[in-house]
Amino acid sequence: MRTLGPLSLLIGVSLLAGCAGETGAKDADQAASTDEAIVGSMQAGTATAFPEAVQILHGNGVDYCTGVLVSPTVVLGAAHCIWGTAYTVKAPFAAGAPSRKVVRSKVLSRAYSNDAASPDVGVLVLDEPIELAHYGIPTSIGAEADNGRSYEGVAVGRSREARTAPLVRSTVLTITSGKPSGYDTGLRTPYYSTGGDSGGPLFLVEGGTLTHKVVAVERQPDPANDADWFTRIDADVVALIRP
């Protein structure tokens, strides 16, 4: 998704193309794209350390986003990527790289399209479980970040703006509150993403060690302000995740 910044978030009715980047200018299978999704200098290799990271593929064969399994059947992602149930979810780092159909979906709000303070987050419920040793652990750091504490994290998204592109992880990013910029439900990292990985998880790094603690999901890049914006985990998001 390409937008101007958290206070200028303008998302139209047709949102799926925004999830996929400039889909109208690319072939349907997206395989030939070389446009980076995570900036090359900010990529730190494959995301195999996070088997819960998934690719969300729309049934139209073109549009796509990224998400994270927070249980065997629940995927957390961006609301602007979630419209109905016409999706397949693929877990490329799980045994056999399984794919599952979506049977239910839900978002917190649609107000994000004109309100930067509104959370851009939703869930997809799968028809069958994906069994993993680890799932994303929803973790709230928002209150501490609002009080000025900074954290470290790693984001996961596609290596390039392509439906079939592999998931990679970012270098370690500094995480701060989005509240000073008017994004009350957001977290900020330095700019690392050109787009095409909406809904990708942000995992906490503690003492230099990667964890499975998910603190936010990708909302939008904002290169003009050297920022990427995320919807953070809070009590409303935790309630949404529960069956």
Protein backbone atom coordinates (compact mmCIF):
# COMPACT_ATOMS: atom_id res chain seq x y z
CA MET A 1 0.00 0.00 0.00
CA ARG A 2 1.29 3.46 -0.87
CA THR A 3 -0.08 6.41 1.09
CA LEU A 4 1.07 9.77 2.38
CA GLY A 5 1.28 9.37 6.14
CA PRO A 6 -0.79 8.66 9.24
CA LEU A 7 -2.67 11.95 9.10
CA SER A 8 -3.33 11.67 5.37
CA LEU A 9 -4.46 8.06 5.17
CA LEU A 10 -6.83 7.98 2.20
CA ILE A 11 -8.06 4.50 1.38
CA GLY A 12 -10.83 4.10 -1.15
CA VAL A 13 -13.54 1.49 -1.46
CA SER A 14 -11.38 -0.74 -3.63
CA LEU A 15 -8.69 -1.59 -1.08
CA LEU A 16 -7.29 -4.86 -2.35
CA ALA A 17 -5.15 -3.21 -4.98
CA GLY A 18 -3.64 -1.09 -2.22
CA CYS A 19 -2.61 -4.23 -0.35
CA ALA A 20 -0.80 -5.57 -3.38
CA GLY A 21 0.90 -2.36 -4.40
CA GLU A 22 0.55 -1.22 -8.01
CA THR A 23 -1.35 -4.31 -9.12
CA GLY A 24 -2.91 -2.66 -12.12
CA ALA A 25 0.50 -2.28 -13.74
CA LYS A 26 1.70 -5.83 -13.13
CA ASP A 27 0.92 -9.28 -14.49
CA ALA A 28 -1.70 -11.27 -12.61
CA ASP A 29 0.73 -13.73 -11.02
CA GLN A 30 3.10 -10.92 -9.96
CA ALA A 31 6.02 -13.33 -10.29
CA ALA A 32 8.16 -11.08 -12.47
CA SER A 33 8.12 -8.07 -10.15
CA THR A 34 11.49 -6.78 -8.94
CA ASP A 35 10.12 -3.83 -6.95
CA GLU A 36 11.35 -4.21 -3.39
CA ALA A 37 8.74 -4.50 -0.64
CA ILE A 38 11.22 -4.47 2.21
CA VAL A 39 14.01 -2.12 1.14
CA GLY A 40 17.06 -4.17 0.18
CA SER A 41 19.41 -2.56 2.69
CA MET A 42 16.83 -3.25 5.42
CA GLN A 43 16.38 -6.96 4.63
CA ALA A 44 18.05 -9.48 6.93
CA GLY A 45 17.32 -12.70 5.05
CA THR A 46 14.58 -15.29 5.20
CA ALA A 47 11.88 -15.18 7.87
CA THR A 48 12.10 -18.89 8.75
CA ALA A 49 12.57 -17.94 12.42
CA PHE A 50 8.89 -16.92 12.34
CA PRO A 51 6.86 -19.90 11.03
CA GLU A 52 3.70 -18.11 12.13
CA ALA A 53 4.18 -15.46 9.42
CA VAL A 54 1.81 -16.13 6.51
CA GLN A 55 0.93 -14.97 3.05
CA ILE A 56 -2.69 -13.86 2.54
CA LEU A 57 -3.75 -14.47 -1.07
CA HIS A 58 -7.00 -13.14 -2.48
CA GLY A 59 -9.05 -15.44 -4.67
CA ASN A 60 -8.85 -13.05 -7.62
CA GLY A 61 -5.32 -14.33 -8.25
CA VAL A 62 -3.80 -10.85 -8.03
CA ASP A 63 -4.10 -9.21 -4.62
CA TYR A 64 -2.19 -10.15 -1.51
CA CYS A 65 -1.14 -9.11 1.98
CA THR A 66 0.84 -10.53 4.90
CA GLY A 67 -0.36 -11.74 8.30
CA VAL A 68 0.52 -13.76 11.37
CA LEU A 69 -1.00 -16.85 12.95
CA VAL A 70 -1.85 -16.16 16.58
CA SER A 71 -3.48 -19.58 17.01
CA PRO A 72 -3.88 -22.67 14.78
CA THR A 73 -6.91 -21.12 13.04
CA VAL A 74 -6.70 -17.33 13.55
CA VAL A 75 -4.65 -14.96 11.39
CA LEU A 76 -4.10 -11.36 12.44
CA GLY A 77 -3.64 -8.77 9.69
CA ALA A 78 -4.61 -5.33 8.42
CA ALA A 79 -8.29 -4.43 8.14
CA HIS A 80 -7.75 -2.77 4.76
CA CYS A 81 -6.77 -6.23 3.44
CA ILE A 82 -9.80 -8.05 4.87
CA TRP A 83 -13.06 -7.99 2.94
CA GLY A 84 -15.14 -11.15 3.30
CA THR A 85 -13.70 -14.67 3.02
CA ALA A 86 -12.36 -15.00 -0.54
CA TYR A 87 -8.84 -15.77 0.69
CA THR A 88 -6.29 -18.52 0.96
CA VAL A 89 -3.71 -18.35 3.73
CA LYS A 90 -0.34 -19.99 3.10
CA ALA A 91 2.22 -20.72 5.81
CA PRO A 92 5.46 -21.06 3.80
CA PHE A 93 7.62 -21.99 6.80
CA ALA A 94 5.30 -24.62 8.28
CA ALA A 95 5.88 -28.28 7.46
CA GLY A 96 4.64 -28.86 3.92
CA ALA A 97 3.90 -25.15 3.42
CA PRO A 98 0.16 -25.71 3.97
CA SER A 99 -2.61 -23.54 2.57
CA ARG A 100 -6.01 -23.06 4.18
CA LYS A 101 -9.28 -21.46 3.15
CA VAL A 102 -10.89 -18.65 5.14
CA VAL A 103 -14.35 -19.21 6.59
CA ARG A 104 -14.82 -16.05 8.66
CA SER A 105 -13.37 -12.58 8.93
CA LYS A 106 -13.79 -9.58 11.16
CA VAL A 107 -12.25 -6.12 11.56
CA LEU A 108 -12.28 -3.69 14.46
CA SER A 109 -13.34 -0.72 12.36
CA ARG A 110 -13.47 0.76 8.88
CA ALA A 111 -12.85 4.28 10.19
CA TYR A 112 -9.12 4.00 9.43
CA SER A 113 -9.83 5.21 5.91
CA ASN A 114 -10.19 8.79 7.16
CA ASP A 115 -8.98 8.64 10.76
CA ALA A 116 -5.32 8.03 11.52
CA ALA A 117 -6.15 7.31 15.16
CA SER A 118 -8.43 4.39 14.23
CA PRO A 119 -6.91 0.89 14.30
CA ASP A 120 -6.38 -0.82 10.95
CA VAL A 121 -6.57 -4.43 12.09
CA GLY A 122 -8.67 -7.55 11.54
CA VAL A 123 -8.67 -11.34 11.68
CA LEU A 124 -9.23 -14.24 9.31
CA VAL A 125 -10.49 -17.58 10.63
CA LEU A 126 -9.29 -20.72 8.80
CA ASP A 127 -11.28 -23.79 7.84
CA GLU A 128 -8.60 -26.13 9.24
CA PRO A 129 -5.75 -25.57 11.70
CA ILE A 130 -2.13 -25.01 10.76
CA GLU A 131 -0.02 -26.81 13.35
CA LEU A 132 3.14 -25.02 14.44
CA ALA A 133 5.58 -25.19 17.32
CA HIS A 134 5.15 -21.45 17.83
CA TYR A 135 2.38 -18.94 17.19
CA GLY A 136 2.51 -15.20 17.43
CA ILE A 137 2.01 -14.03 21.01
CA PRO A 138 -0.06 -10.80 21.08
CA THR A 139 1.87 -8.42 23.31
CA SER A 140 1.01 -4.86 24.31
CA ILE A 141 3.76 -2.25 24.60
CA GLY A 142 1.65 0.78 23.73
CA ALA A 143 1.32 2.37 27.16
CA GLU A 144 5.06 2.16 27.81
CA ALA A 145 5.83 3.50 24.34
CA ASP A 146 3.44 6.43 24.91
CA ASN A 147 5.43 7.21 28.06
CA GLY A 148 8.60 7.52 26.00
CA ARG A 149 10.06 4.04 26.15
CA SER A 150 11.56 2.70 22.92
CA TYR A 151 11.84 -0.95 21.92
CA GLU A 152 13.52 -3.04 19.27
CA GLY A 153 11.72 -5.26 16.78
CA VAL A 154 11.86 -7.13 13.50
CA ALA A 155 9.18 -6.82 10.81
CA VAL A 156 8.23 -9.56 8.35
CA GLY A 157 7.02 -8.99 4.80
CA ARG A 158 7.64 -9.95 1.20
CA SER A 159 11.07 -9.43 -0.30
CA ARG A 160 9.50 -7.60 -3.23
CA GLU A 161 6.08 -6.37 -4.32
CA ALA A 162 4.93 -9.68 -5.72
CA ARG A 163 2.20 -12.13 -4.77
CA THR A 164 4.64 -15.04 -4.96
CA ALA A 165 7.65 -13.32 -3.36
CA PRO A 166 9.18 -15.04 -0.32
CA LEU A 167 8.76 -13.67 3.18
CA VAL A 168 11.86 -12.04 4.64
CA ARG A 169 12.61 -10.26 7.87
CA SER A 170 13.87 -6.73 8.36
CA THR A 171 16.95 -5.64 10.18
CA VAL A 172 16.36 -4.71 13.82
CA LEU A 173 14.17 -1.60 13.98
CA THR A 174 13.64 0.93 16.74
CA ILE A 175 10.00 1.04 17.86
CA THR A 176 8.41 4.16 19.33
CA SER A 177 4.90 5.47 19.93
CA GLY A 178 2.78 6.80 17.07
CA LYS A 179 0.81 9.04 19.41
CA PRO A 180 2.93 12.17 18.90
CA SER A 181 1.98 12.02 15.21
CA GLY A 182 -1.73 11.61 15.91
CA TYR A 183 -1.80 7.84 15.60
CA ASP A 184 -3.14 6.93 19.05
CA THR A 185 -3.38 3.22 18.24
CA GLY A 186 -0.08 3.07 16.41
CA LEU A 187 3.60 2.35 16.69
CA ARG A 188 6.36 3.79 14.55
CA THR A 189 9.56 2.33 13.14
CA PRO A 190 12.09 3.86 10.76
CA TYR A 191 11.07 3.60 7.10
CA TYR A 192 11.84 0.09 5.84
CA SER A 193 8.99 -0.85 3.48
CA THR A 194 8.00 0.45 0.06
CA GLY A 195 4.60 -1.27 0.33
CA GLY A 196 3.09 -4.58 -0.67
CA ASP A 197 3.35 -6.16 2.78
CA SER A 198 0.36 -4.68 4.61
CA GLY A 199 -0.60 -6.63 7.74
CA GLY A 200 2.92 -7.98 8.22
CA PRO A 201 3.80 -8.64 11.87
CA LEU A 202 6.25 -6.68 14.01
CA PHE A 203 8.01 -9.00 16.47
CA LEU A 204 9.69 -7.81 19.65
CA VAL A 205 13.45 -8.23 20.06
CA GLU A 206 14.53 -8.54 23.71
CA GLY A 207 18.15 -8.38 24.76
CA GLY A 208 19.20 -8.95 21.16
CA THR A 209 17.09 -12.14 20.92
CA LEU A 210 14.21 -12.61 18.50
CA THR A 211 10.91 -13.46 20.18
CA HIS A 212 7.47 -14.56 18.97
CA LYS A 213 5.83 -11.60 20.71
CA VAL A 214 3.76 -9.69 18.14
CA VAL A 215 3.40 -6.05 19.12
CA ALA A 216 1.78 -4.67 15.95
CA VAL A 217 0.85 -5.25 12.28
CA GLU A 218 1.96 -3.12 9.34
CA ARG A 219 -0.39 -0.34 8.28
CA GLN A 220 1.53 1.84 5.85
CA PRO A 221 4.96 3.15 4.86
CA ASP A 222 5.60 6.87 5.10
CA PRO A 223 8.94 7.61 3.41
CA ALA A 224 8.43 11.37 3.53
CA ASN A 225 8.67 11.17 7.33
CA ASP A 226 11.20 8.31 7.42
CA ALA A 227 8.57 6.13 9.09
CA ASP A 228 6.54 2.97 8.86
CA TRP A 229 3.28 2.90 10.80
CA PHE A 230 1.78 -0.09 12.55
CA THR A 231 -1.47 -0.82 14.38
CA ARG A 232 -0.43 -1.92 17.84
CA ILE A 233 -1.76 -4.73 19.97
CA ASP A 234 -4.11 -3.50 22.69
CA ALA A 235 -7.08 -4.85 24.64
CA ASP A 236 -9.47 -4.38 21.70
CA VAL A 237 -7.19 -6.35 19.39
CA VAL A 238 -6.83 -9.16 21.94
CA ALA A 239 -10.62 -9.33 22.24
CA LEU A 240 -10.93 -9.50 18.45
CA ILE A 241 -8.55 -12.46 18.32
CA ARG A 242 -10.57 -14.53 20.77
CA PRO A 243 -13.04 -16.96 19.09
